[in-house]
Amino acid sequence: MTTEKKEHKATQHALDEIANWMRTPLTHEGINYSIACLTIDPAIFSFLGGGDASIFTPSGHRGTLNSSVDGVGLLSQDFVTATSFPIIFTFDLNAGTATGTWTNPVLNQAESVTITLEFNKMANDPVLGQYYIFTGDSSTDQAGYILTFILL
């Protein structure tokens, strides 16, 4: 099997696992996410962020996850001080995409992105739970993204 086919199969399996975690009956807390946006373009800017992604809507084969309104991005231009700003993400587990919106705190303008997810790694922590780590295979803003789902 080619590497591209293996990557696709691993991504589909990871998205199935995340969707299955959220299907009823829900006997756990849900899912948190963290995101890193990396770019050298000052008009886009780099940031770290995350929040709760436990709003689940079953639809299609897997469904969608929505972040709550308390998602927070952190921007630090000097690695000493940080500016926080709200971020909202929707994760389409059927399509394997993440769509986010925020207001760029540097330019004070609304921004959005759609990221195609590619599974990278699953890690298990006996206390904190399972982590599914994805990279952005592509994005509409040309930045690089790392996204982690933490199954609580």
N, C-alpha and C. Protein backbone atom coordinates (compact mmCIF):
# COMPACT_ATOMS: atom_id res chain seq x y z
N MET A 1 0.86 -1.17 0.00
CA MET A 1 0.00 0.00 0.00
C MET A 1 0.90 1.24 0.00
N THR A 2 0.55 2.22 -0.80
CA THR A 2 1.36 3.43 -0.88
C THR A 2 1.25 4.22 0.41
N THR A 3 2.22 5.08 0.63
CA THR A 3 2.25 5.90 1.84
C THR A 3 1.02 6.80 1.93
N GLU A 4 0.62 7.39 0.81
CA GLU A 4 -0.55 8.27 0.80
C GLU A 4 -1.81 7.50 1.21
N LYS A 5 -1.97 6.27 0.74
CA LYS A 5 -3.13 5.46 1.11
C LYS A 5 -3.08 5.10 2.58
N LYS A 6 -1.89 4.80 3.11
CA LYS A 6 -1.75 4.50 4.53
C LYS A 6 -2.08 5.71 5.39
N GLU A 7 -1.63 6.89 4.97
CA GLU A 7 -1.94 8.11 5.70
C GLU A 7 -3.43 8.38 5.71
N HIS A 8 -4.08 8.20 4.56
CA HIS A 8 -5.53 8.41 4.47
C HIS A 8 -6.27 7.43 5.38
N LYS A 9 -5.87 6.17 5.35
CA LYS A 9 -6.52 5.15 6.18
C LYS A 9 -6.32 5.46 7.66
N ALA A 10 -5.13 5.88 8.06
CA ALA A 10 -4.87 6.22 9.46
C ALA A 10 -5.69 7.44 9.89
N THR A 11 -5.83 8.43 9.01
CA THR A 11 -6.64 9.61 9.31
C THR A 11 -8.10 9.22 9.48
N GLN A 12 -8.62 8.40 8.58
CA GLN A 12 -10.02 7.97 8.68
C GLN A 12 -10.27 7.20 9.97
N HIS A 13 -9.33 6.33 10.35
CA HIS A 13 -9.45 5.56 11.59
C HIS A 13 -9.46 6.48 12.81
N ALA A 14 -8.55 7.46 12.85
CA ALA A 14 -8.49 8.38 13.97
C ALA A 14 -9.79 9.20 14.08
N LEU A 15 -10.32 9.66 12.95
CA LEU A 15 -11.58 10.42 12.96
C LEU A 15 -12.74 9.54 13.43
N ASP A 16 -12.73 8.26 13.07
CA ASP A 16 -13.74 7.32 13.58
C ASP A 16 -13.64 7.20 15.09
N GLU A 17 -12.44 7.09 15.61
CA GLU A 17 -12.24 6.96 17.06
C GLU A 17 -12.76 8.19 17.81
N ILE A 18 -12.50 9.36 17.27
CA ILE A 18 -12.97 10.60 17.91
C ILE A 18 -14.50 10.65 17.88
N ALA A 19 -15.10 10.33 16.75
CA ALA A 19 -16.57 10.33 16.65
C ALA A 19 -17.18 9.30 17.59
N ASN A 20 -16.60 8.12 17.66
CA ASN A 20 -17.11 7.07 18.54
C ASN A 20 -17.03 7.49 20.01
N TRP A 21 -16.02 8.27 20.36
CA TRP A 21 -15.86 8.77 21.74
C TRP A 21 -17.06 9.64 22.13
N MET A 22 -17.59 10.38 21.16
CA MET A 22 -18.66 11.34 21.45
C MET A 22 -20.07 10.77 21.26
N ARG A 23 -20.19 9.56 20.74
CA ARG A 23 -21.52 8.99 20.54
C ARG A 23 -22.15 8.63 21.89
N THR A 24 -23.46 8.64 21.94
CA THR A 24 -24.16 8.31 23.17
C THR A 24 -24.03 6.83 23.46
N PRO A 25 -24.08 6.37 24.70
CA PRO A 25 -24.19 7.22 25.88
C PRO A 25 -22.82 7.80 26.27
N LEU A 26 -22.80 9.09 26.53
CA LEU A 26 -21.57 9.78 26.89
C LEU A 26 -21.31 9.56 28.38
N THR A 27 -20.25 8.83 28.69
CA THR A 27 -19.94 8.50 30.08
C THR A 27 -18.63 9.15 30.53
N HIS A 28 -18.20 10.18 29.82
CA HIS A 28 -16.96 10.87 30.14
C HIS A 28 -17.16 12.35 29.89
N GLU A 29 -16.11 13.14 30.10
CA GLU A 29 -16.24 14.60 30.01
C GLU A 29 -16.43 15.12 28.59
N GLY A 30 -15.77 14.58 27.62
CA GLY A 30 -15.88 15.06 26.26
C GLY A 30 -14.52 15.19 25.61
N ILE A 31 -14.31 16.29 24.87
CA ILE A 31 -13.08 16.49 24.12
C ILE A 31 -12.62 17.94 24.26
N ASN A 32 -11.35 18.13 24.49
CA ASN A 32 -10.71 19.43 24.38
C ASN A 32 -9.82 19.41 23.15
N TYR A 33 -9.49 20.59 22.65
CA TYR A 33 -8.57 20.66 21.52
C TYR A 33 -7.52 21.72 21.81
N SER A 34 -6.38 21.54 21.20
CA SER A 34 -5.35 22.59 21.20
C SER A 34 -4.90 22.76 19.77
N ILE A 35 -4.48 23.99 19.45
CA ILE A 35 -4.08 24.28 18.08
C ILE A 35 -2.87 25.20 18.10
N ALA A 36 -1.96 24.95 17.18
CA ALA A 36 -0.82 25.83 16.97
C ALA A 36 -0.85 26.25 15.51
N CYS A 37 -0.80 27.56 15.29
CA CYS A 37 -0.74 28.13 13.94
C CYS A 37 0.65 28.71 13.78
N LEU A 38 1.37 28.25 12.78
CA LEU A 38 2.75 28.65 12.58
C LEU A 38 2.93 29.28 11.21
N THR A 39 3.46 30.51 11.19
CA THR A 39 3.69 31.19 9.92
C THR A 39 4.78 32.24 10.10
N ILE A 40 5.39 32.62 9.00
CA ILE A 40 6.34 33.73 9.05
C ILE A 40 5.72 34.98 8.46
N ASP A 41 4.48 34.88 8.00
CA ASP A 41 3.78 36.00 7.40
C ASP A 41 3.14 36.85 8.51
N PRO A 42 3.61 38.08 8.73
CA PRO A 42 3.07 38.89 9.83
C PRO A 42 1.60 39.27 9.64
N ALA A 43 1.08 39.18 8.43
CA ALA A 43 -0.33 39.48 8.20
C ALA A 43 -1.22 38.36 8.72
N ILE A 44 -0.68 37.16 8.81
CA ILE A 44 -1.45 36.02 9.33
C ILE A 44 -1.17 35.86 10.82
N PHE A 45 0.02 35.91 11.25
CA PHE A 45 0.56 35.77 12.60
C PHE A 45 0.42 34.36 13.15
N SER A 46 1.33 34.00 14.02
CA SER A 46 1.32 32.69 14.66
C SER A 46 0.65 32.79 16.02
N PHE A 47 -0.01 31.70 16.44
CA PHE A 47 -0.63 31.70 17.75
C PHE A 47 -0.80 30.28 18.26
N LEU A 48 -1.04 30.16 19.56
CA LEU A 48 -1.43 28.92 20.21
C LEU A 48 -2.84 29.12 20.73
N GLY A 49 -3.62 28.08 20.79
CA GLY A 49 -4.98 28.22 21.29
C GLY A 49 -5.60 26.89 21.62
N GLY A 50 -6.85 26.96 22.04
CA GLY A 50 -7.58 25.74 22.34
C GLY A 50 -8.82 26.01 23.16
N GLY A 51 -9.50 24.94 23.50
CA GLY A 51 -10.71 25.04 24.29
C GLY A 51 -11.47 23.74 24.27
N ASP A 52 -12.72 23.83 24.67
CA ASP A 52 -13.62 22.69 24.70
C ASP A 52 -14.20 22.45 23.31
N ALA A 53 -14.28 21.19 22.91
CA ALA A 53 -14.88 20.84 21.61
C ALA A 53 -15.89 19.72 21.81
N SER A 54 -16.69 19.83 22.85
CA SER A 54 -17.60 18.74 23.21
C SER A 54 -19.02 18.91 22.70
N ILE A 55 -19.27 19.92 21.87
CA ILE A 55 -20.60 20.07 21.28
C ILE A 55 -20.62 19.19 20.03
N PHE A 56 -21.27 18.04 20.14
CA PHE A 56 -21.24 17.03 19.08
C PHE A 56 -22.59 16.96 18.38
N THR A 57 -22.54 16.96 17.06
CA THR A 57 -23.74 16.79 16.25
C THR A 57 -23.54 15.57 15.36
N PRO A 58 -24.24 14.46 15.66
CA PRO A 58 -24.10 13.30 14.78
C PRO A 58 -24.74 13.59 13.43
N SER A 59 -24.00 13.38 12.38
CA SER A 59 -24.51 13.54 11.02
C SER A 59 -23.57 12.81 10.09
N GLY A 60 -24.11 12.27 9.03
CA GLY A 60 -23.27 11.52 8.10
C GLY A 60 -22.64 10.32 8.80
N HIS A 61 -21.47 9.95 8.36
CA HIS A 61 -20.78 8.79 8.92
C HIS A 61 -20.25 9.05 10.33
N ARG A 62 -19.77 10.29 10.58
CA ARG A 62 -19.14 10.60 11.87
C ARG A 62 -19.82 11.73 12.63
N GLY A 63 -19.99 12.87 11.99
CA GLY A 63 -20.58 14.02 12.67
C GLY A 63 -19.62 15.19 12.76
N THR A 64 -20.02 16.19 13.54
CA THR A 64 -19.18 17.38 13.72
C THR A 64 -19.02 17.70 15.20
N LEU A 65 -17.90 18.31 15.50
CA LEU A 65 -17.62 18.85 16.83
C LEU A 65 -17.56 20.36 16.70
N ASN A 66 -18.10 21.06 17.67
CA ASN A 66 -18.00 22.52 17.70
C ASN A 66 -17.35 22.93 18.99
N SER A 67 -16.49 23.92 18.89
CA SER A 67 -15.90 24.46 20.10
C SER A 67 -16.90 25.38 20.76
N SER A 68 -16.79 25.47 22.07
CA SER A 68 -17.64 26.40 22.80
C SER A 68 -17.09 27.81 22.60
N VAL A 69 -17.85 28.79 23.01
CA VAL A 69 -17.45 30.18 22.80
C VAL A 69 -16.29 30.60 23.69
N ASP A 70 -15.84 29.71 24.57
CA ASP A 70 -14.74 30.09 25.46
C ASP A 70 -13.37 29.68 24.92
N GLY A 71 -13.29 29.30 23.65
CA GLY A 71 -11.99 28.99 23.05
C GLY A 71 -11.10 30.23 23.08
N VAL A 72 -9.82 30.03 23.37
CA VAL A 72 -8.90 31.17 23.51
C VAL A 72 -7.66 30.94 22.69
N GLY A 73 -7.26 31.98 21.96
CA GLY A 73 -5.98 31.98 21.27
C GLY A 73 -5.03 32.88 22.03
N LEU A 74 -3.77 32.55 22.01
CA LEU A 74 -2.74 33.37 22.66
C LEU A 74 -1.69 33.75 21.64
N LEU A 75 -1.43 35.03 21.55
CA LEU A 75 -0.44 35.56 20.64
C LEU A 75 0.67 36.20 21.46
N SER A 76 1.91 35.84 21.20
CA SER A 76 3.04 36.47 21.86
C SER A 76 4.06 36.86 20.79
N GLN A 77 4.28 38.16 20.67
CA GLN A 77 5.24 38.62 19.68
C GLN A 77 6.65 38.73 20.24
N ASP A 78 6.78 38.74 21.55
CA ASP A 78 8.10 38.88 22.14
C ASP A 78 8.45 37.74 23.10
N PHE A 79 7.62 36.71 23.21
CA PHE A 79 7.82 35.56 24.07
C PHE A 79 7.82 35.93 25.55
N VAL A 80 7.37 37.13 25.89
CA VAL A 80 7.29 37.56 27.29
C VAL A 80 5.84 37.87 27.65
N THR A 81 5.20 38.70 26.85
CA THR A 81 3.80 39.05 27.08
C THR A 81 2.92 38.35 26.06
N ALA A 82 1.67 38.14 26.43
CA ALA A 82 0.75 37.46 25.51
C ALA A 82 -0.56 38.22 25.45
N THR A 83 -1.16 38.22 24.28
CA THR A 83 -2.48 38.79 24.06
C THR A 83 -3.44 37.64 23.82
N SER A 84 -4.54 37.61 24.56
CA SER A 84 -5.53 36.55 24.34
C SER A 84 -6.68 37.09 23.50
N PHE A 85 -7.29 36.20 22.73
CA PHE A 85 -8.41 36.57 21.86
C PHE A 85 -9.28 35.33 21.66
N PRO A 86 -10.59 35.53 21.47
CA PRO A 86 -11.48 34.38 21.29
C PRO A 86 -11.30 33.72 19.92
N ILE A 87 -11.39 32.39 19.92
CA ILE A 87 -11.36 31.60 18.69
C ILE A 87 -12.54 30.62 18.72
N ILE A 88 -13.08 30.36 17.57
CA ILE A 88 -14.17 29.38 17.43
C ILE A 88 -13.78 28.41 16.32
N PHE A 89 -13.91 27.11 16.60
CA PHE A 89 -13.60 26.09 15.60
C PHE A 89 -14.75 25.10 15.46
N THR A 90 -14.95 24.65 14.24
CA THR A 90 -15.85 23.55 13.92
C THR A 90 -15.02 22.47 13.27
N PHE A 91 -15.19 21.25 13.75
CA PHE A 91 -14.42 20.12 13.24
C PHE A 91 -15.38 19.17 12.53
N ASP A 92 -15.29 19.11 11.21
CA ASP A 92 -16.12 18.22 10.42
C ASP A 92 -15.41 16.88 10.34
N LEU A 93 -15.85 15.95 11.17
CA LEU A 93 -15.20 14.64 11.22
C LEU A 93 -15.50 13.81 9.97
N ASN A 94 -16.58 14.12 9.27
CA ASN A 94 -16.88 13.43 8.01
C ASN A 94 -15.86 13.80 6.93
N ALA A 95 -15.59 15.08 6.80
CA ALA A 95 -14.68 15.57 5.75
C ALA A 95 -13.22 15.61 6.21
N GLY A 96 -12.98 15.52 7.52
CA GLY A 96 -11.61 15.62 8.02
C GLY A 96 -11.07 17.03 7.94
N THR A 97 -11.93 18.02 8.26
CA THR A 97 -11.51 19.42 8.19
C THR A 97 -11.81 20.15 9.50
N ALA A 98 -11.07 21.20 9.72
CA ALA A 98 -11.31 22.12 10.84
C ALA A 98 -11.48 23.51 10.24
N THR A 99 -12.52 24.21 10.67
CA THR A 99 -12.77 25.56 10.20
C THR A 99 -12.77 26.47 11.42
N GLY A 100 -11.93 27.49 11.39
CA GLY A 100 -11.81 28.40 12.53
C GLY A 100 -12.02 29.84 12.16
N THR A 101 -12.48 30.62 13.13
CA THR A 101 -12.63 32.07 12.97
C THR A 101 -12.13 32.77 14.21
N TRP A 102 -11.58 33.96 14.01
CA TRP A 102 -11.09 34.80 15.09
C TRP A 102 -10.88 36.20 14.55
N THR A 103 -10.63 37.13 15.45
CA THR A 103 -10.25 38.48 15.05
C THR A 103 -8.77 38.63 15.34
N ASN A 104 -8.00 38.91 14.32
CA ASN A 104 -6.57 39.09 14.44
C ASN A 104 -6.31 40.28 15.38
N PRO A 105 -5.67 40.04 16.55
CA PRO A 105 -5.46 41.13 17.49
C PRO A 105 -4.40 42.15 17.04
N VAL A 106 -3.59 41.79 16.06
CA VAL A 106 -2.57 42.71 15.55
C VAL A 106 -3.19 43.68 14.55
N LEU A 107 -3.99 43.14 13.61
CA LEU A 107 -4.58 43.96 12.56
C LEU A 107 -6.03 44.35 12.85
N ASN A 108 -6.60 43.79 13.92
CA ASN A 108 -7.99 44.03 14.30
C ASN A 108 -8.94 43.75 13.13
N GLN A 109 -8.74 42.59 12.49
CA GLN A 109 -9.61 42.20 11.39
C GLN A 109 -10.03 40.74 11.55
N ALA A 110 -11.22 40.43 11.08
CA ALA A 110 -11.74 39.07 11.13
C ALA A 110 -10.96 38.18 10.18
N GLU A 111 -10.67 36.96 10.64
CA GLU A 111 -9.97 35.99 9.82
C GLU A 111 -10.65 34.64 9.96
N SER A 112 -10.47 33.81 8.96
CA SER A 112 -10.99 32.45 9.01
C SER A 112 -10.05 31.53 8.25
N VAL A 113 -10.14 30.25 8.56
CA VAL A 113 -9.31 29.26 7.89
C VAL A 113 -10.06 27.94 7.84
N THR A 114 -9.80 27.17 6.81
CA THR A 114 -10.23 25.78 6.74
C THR A 114 -8.98 24.95 6.56
N ILE A 115 -8.84 23.95 7.41
CA ILE A 115 -7.64 23.11 7.46
C ILE A 115 -8.05 21.68 7.13
N THR A 116 -7.33 21.04 6.21
CA THR A 116 -7.52 19.62 5.95
C THR A 116 -6.60 18.86 6.89
N LEU A 117 -7.20 17.97 7.68
CA LEU A 117 -6.45 17.28 8.73
C LEU A 117 -5.79 16.00 8.22
N GLU A 118 -4.57 15.77 8.69
CA GLU A 118 -3.87 14.51 8.42
C GLU A 118 -3.37 13.96 9.75
N PHE A 119 -3.79 12.74 10.07
CA PHE A 119 -3.41 12.11 11.34
C PHE A 119 -1.90 11.93 11.42
N ASN A 120 -1.35 12.24 12.60
CA ASN A 120 0.08 12.10 12.81
C ASN A 120 0.40 11.06 13.86
N LYS A 121 -0.27 11.13 15.04
CA LYS A 121 0.11 10.24 16.13
C LYS A 121 -1.00 10.19 17.18
N MET A 122 -1.09 9.04 17.87
CA MET A 122 -1.97 8.89 19.01
C MET A 122 -1.10 8.60 20.21
N ALA A 123 -1.38 9.29 21.30
CA ALA A 123 -0.63 9.06 22.53
C ALA A 123 -1.62 8.81 23.66
N ASN A 124 -1.21 8.00 24.62
CA ASN A 124 -2.05 7.68 25.77
C ASN A 124 -1.37 8.14 27.04
N ASP A 125 -2.11 8.84 27.88
CA ASP A 125 -1.62 9.21 29.20
C ASP A 125 -2.58 8.60 30.20
N PRO A 126 -2.08 7.81 31.18
CA PRO A 126 -2.99 7.12 32.09
C PRO A 126 -3.87 8.07 32.93
N VAL A 127 -3.43 9.28 33.12
CA VAL A 127 -4.21 10.24 33.91
C VAL A 127 -5.02 11.17 33.02
N LEU A 128 -4.40 11.71 31.97
CA LEU A 128 -5.04 12.74 31.15
C LEU A 128 -5.87 12.18 30.00
N GLY A 129 -5.63 10.98 29.57
CA GLY A 129 -6.43 10.38 28.50
C GLY A 129 -5.68 10.21 27.20
N GLN A 130 -6.45 10.06 26.12
CA GLN A 130 -5.88 9.84 24.79
C GLN A 130 -5.75 11.16 24.05
N TYR A 131 -4.66 11.26 23.29
CA TYR A 131 -4.39 12.43 22.46
C TYR A 131 -4.31 11.97 21.02
N TYR A 132 -5.06 12.64 20.14
CA TYR A 132 -4.96 12.40 18.70
C TYR A 132 -4.35 13.65 18.08
N ILE A 133 -3.18 13.52 17.50
CA ILE A 133 -2.44 14.66 16.97
C ILE A 133 -2.51 14.65 15.44
N PHE A 134 -2.93 15.79 14.90
CA PHE A 134 -3.07 15.96 13.45
C PHE A 134 -2.20 17.13 13.01
N THR A 135 -1.77 17.08 11.78
CA THR A 135 -1.14 18.24 11.15
C THR A 135 -2.08 18.72 10.04
N GLY A 136 -1.89 19.96 9.66
CA GLY A 136 -2.68 20.49 8.55
C GLY A 136 -2.06 20.05 7.25
N ASP A 137 -2.73 19.16 6.53
CA ASP A 137 -2.24 18.71 5.23
C ASP A 137 -2.26 19.88 4.25
N SER A 138 -3.27 20.75 4.42
CA SER A 138 -3.36 21.99 3.65
C SER A 138 -4.25 22.93 4.43
N SER A 139 -4.16 24.23 4.10
CA SER A 139 -5.03 25.22 4.74
C SER A 139 -5.30 26.34 3.74
N THR A 140 -6.39 27.04 3.97
CA THR A 140 -6.77 28.11 3.06
C THR A 140 -5.93 29.37 3.24
N ASP A 141 -5.16 29.44 4.32
CA ASP A 141 -4.34 30.64 4.54
C ASP A 141 -2.84 30.37 4.42
N GLN A 142 -2.45 29.19 4.04
CA GLN A 142 -1.06 28.81 3.79
C GLN A 142 -0.20 28.75 5.05
N ALA A 143 -0.80 28.88 6.24
CA ALA A 143 -0.04 28.70 7.48
C ALA A 143 0.09 27.21 7.76
N GLY A 144 0.96 26.85 8.68
CA GLY A 144 1.09 25.47 9.12
C GLY A 144 0.30 25.29 10.41
N TYR A 145 -0.37 24.15 10.56
CA TYR A 145 -1.19 23.92 11.74
C TYR A 145 -0.90 22.56 12.36
N ILE A 146 -0.94 22.53 13.68
CA ILE A 146 -0.90 21.28 14.45
C ILE A 146 -2.12 21.32 15.35
N LEU A 147 -2.90 20.27 15.31
CA LEU A 147 -4.14 20.22 16.08
C LEU A 147 -4.16 18.94 16.90
N THR A 148 -4.50 19.06 18.17
CA THR A 148 -4.58 17.91 19.04
C THR A 148 -5.96 17.82 19.66
N PHE A 149 -6.56 16.65 19.60
CA PHE A 149 -7.80 16.38 20.31
C PHE A 149 -7.44 15.59 21.55
N ILE A 150 -7.94 16.01 22.71
CA ILE A 150 -7.69 15.33 23.97
C ILE A 150 -9.01 14.74 24.41
N LEU A 151 -9.10 13.40 24.43
CA LEU A 151 -10.32 12.72 24.80
C LEU A 151 -10.33 12.59 26.32
N LEU A 152 -11.27 13.29 26.95
CA LEU A 152 -11.33 13.37 28.41
C LEU A 152 -12.28 12.34 28.98
